[in-house]
Structures are given as C-alpha cells and as structure tokens.
Protein backbone atom coordinates (compact mmCIF):
# COMPACT_ATOMS: atom_id res chain seq x y z
CA MET A 1 34.32 0.88 -10.12
CA ARG A 2 30.51 -0.57 -9.78
CA LYS A 3 27.70 -0.03 -12.61
CA PRO A 4 25.51 2.98 -11.40
CA THR A 5 22.37 2.18 -9.35
CA HIS A 6 19.10 3.54 -9.57
CA VAL A 7 17.25 3.31 -6.68
CA CYS A 8 14.04 4.95 -6.75
CA VAL A 9 10.34 4.76 -4.71
CA GLU A 10 7.41 5.20 -6.28
CA LEU A 11 4.16 5.96 -3.95
CA ARG A 12 2.08 4.07 -5.41
CA HIS A 13 4.21 0.92 -4.35
CA CYS A 14 3.47 2.29 -0.75
CA HIS A 15 -0.34 3.24 -0.53
CA GLY A 16 0.47 6.73 -0.70
CA ASN A 17 2.22 6.85 3.01
CA THR A 18 5.40 9.24 2.56
CA GLU A 19 6.77 7.64 5.95
CA ARG A 20 6.82 4.58 4.67
CA MET A 21 8.09 5.20 1.23
CA ILE A 22 11.29 7.54 3.27
CA ARG A 23 11.94 4.21 5.47
CA ARG A 24 11.06 1.94 1.82
CA PHE A 25 13.96 4.59 0.47
CA LEU A 26 16.85 4.24 3.18
CA LYS A 27 16.68 0.42 3.04
CA LYS A 28 17.27 0.03 -0.51
CA VAL A 29 20.06 2.54 -0.43
CA LYS A 30 21.47 0.19 2.83
CA LYS A 31 21.53 -3.29 0.78
CA GLU A 32 23.20 -1.13 -2.08
CA ARG A 33 26.03 -0.07 -0.19
CA ILE A 34 26.03 3.57 -1.51
CA ILE A 35 26.42 5.63 1.80
CA GLU A 36 29.27 2.89 3.56
CA GLU A 37 31.03 3.74 -0.41
CA THR A 38 30.82 6.96 -0.82
CA ILE A 39 32.19 7.07 2.83
CA GLU A 40 35.25 4.80 2.40
CA ARG A 41 35.96 7.14 -0.84
CA MET A 42 36.38 10.32 1.34
CA ARG A 43 39.79 8.63 2.23
CA PHE A 44 42.74 6.98 0.54
CA THR A 45 42.79 3.89 2.02
CA LYS A 46 46.60 1.68 1.61
CA PRO A 47 46.20 -1.12 -0.09
CA SER A 48 47.33 -3.43 2.37
CA GLU A 49 44.94 -2.24 4.89
CA ALA A 50 42.27 -2.46 1.85
CA LYS A 51 42.79 -6.21 2.15
CA ARG A 52 42.73 -6.50 5.75
CA LEU A 53 39.60 -5.29 5.97
CA LYS A 54 38.30 -7.55 3.32
CA ARG A 55 39.44 -10.44 5.07
CA ARG A 56 38.00 -9.15 8.44
CA LYS A 57 34.39 -8.80 6.35
CA ALA A 58 35.07 -11.76 5.04
CA ALA A 59 35.54 -13.71 8.82
CA ARG A 60 32.28 -12.44 9.99
CA ARG A 61 30.46 -12.54 7.25
CA ARG A 62 31.51 -17.00 6.85
CA LEU A 63 30.86 -16.53 11.30
CA ARG A 64 27.06 -14.79 10.57
CA GLU A 65 26.94 -17.42 8.57
CA GLU A 66 27.77 -20.63 10.37
CA ARG A 67 25.24 -19.10 12.85
CA LYS A 68 23.04 -19.28 11.13
CA ARG A 69 23.12 -22.55 10.18
CA THR A 70 23.28 -24.04 13.52
CA ARG A 71 20.22 -21.63 14.13
CA ARG A 72 18.02 -23.76 11.59
CA ARG A 73 19.51 -26.51 12.20
CA GLU A 74 18.47 -26.17 15.54
CA SER A 75 15.12 -25.47 15.23
CA GLN A 76 14.35 -28.30 12.74
CA ASP A 77 15.39 -30.79 15.13
CA LYS A 78 13.12 -29.32 17.33
CA LYS A 79 11.05 -29.46 15.61
CA ARG A 80 11.36 -33.42 14.96
C-alpha cells in the first residue's frame, strides 16, 4: 500500500484566481495518480493480467523516453 498523499492548493499561491486553483489541484491529483488508482481498485485484476499491464506500461514508457532522447539529440545537432 502506498503512503497517504496530501494534495492541497492554497489560494494565495494562485493570486486569488479560483479557476487557476482548480486547474492546479487537478494537475496535482493527476500527478499523484489518485483517480487512476481508485479506478483500478474498483475491480479485481488477476495477477497475470496485472503483470501484463505492468509490462505494457513499461514498454510504453521506454518508447516515450527513447523518443525524447532522439528529439533532444536532433535539436542539439541542428543548433551546431
């Protein structure tokens, strides 16, 4: 089980703008994966299915990181 997360947004950090405060709160909630975790916990997933999903997520993450690296290299090469 994960550590409890405390997501809070203060009005003074958003300069009194409530819309900005809501957006900031939603970003923090997404970053902490709070909503995704509750959706996952609604249904039981078999251990084999969980492993399969974990592998897929890891592969997707690797591809994303590789694309980032190649883009950075290309942008650096263009600068030179």
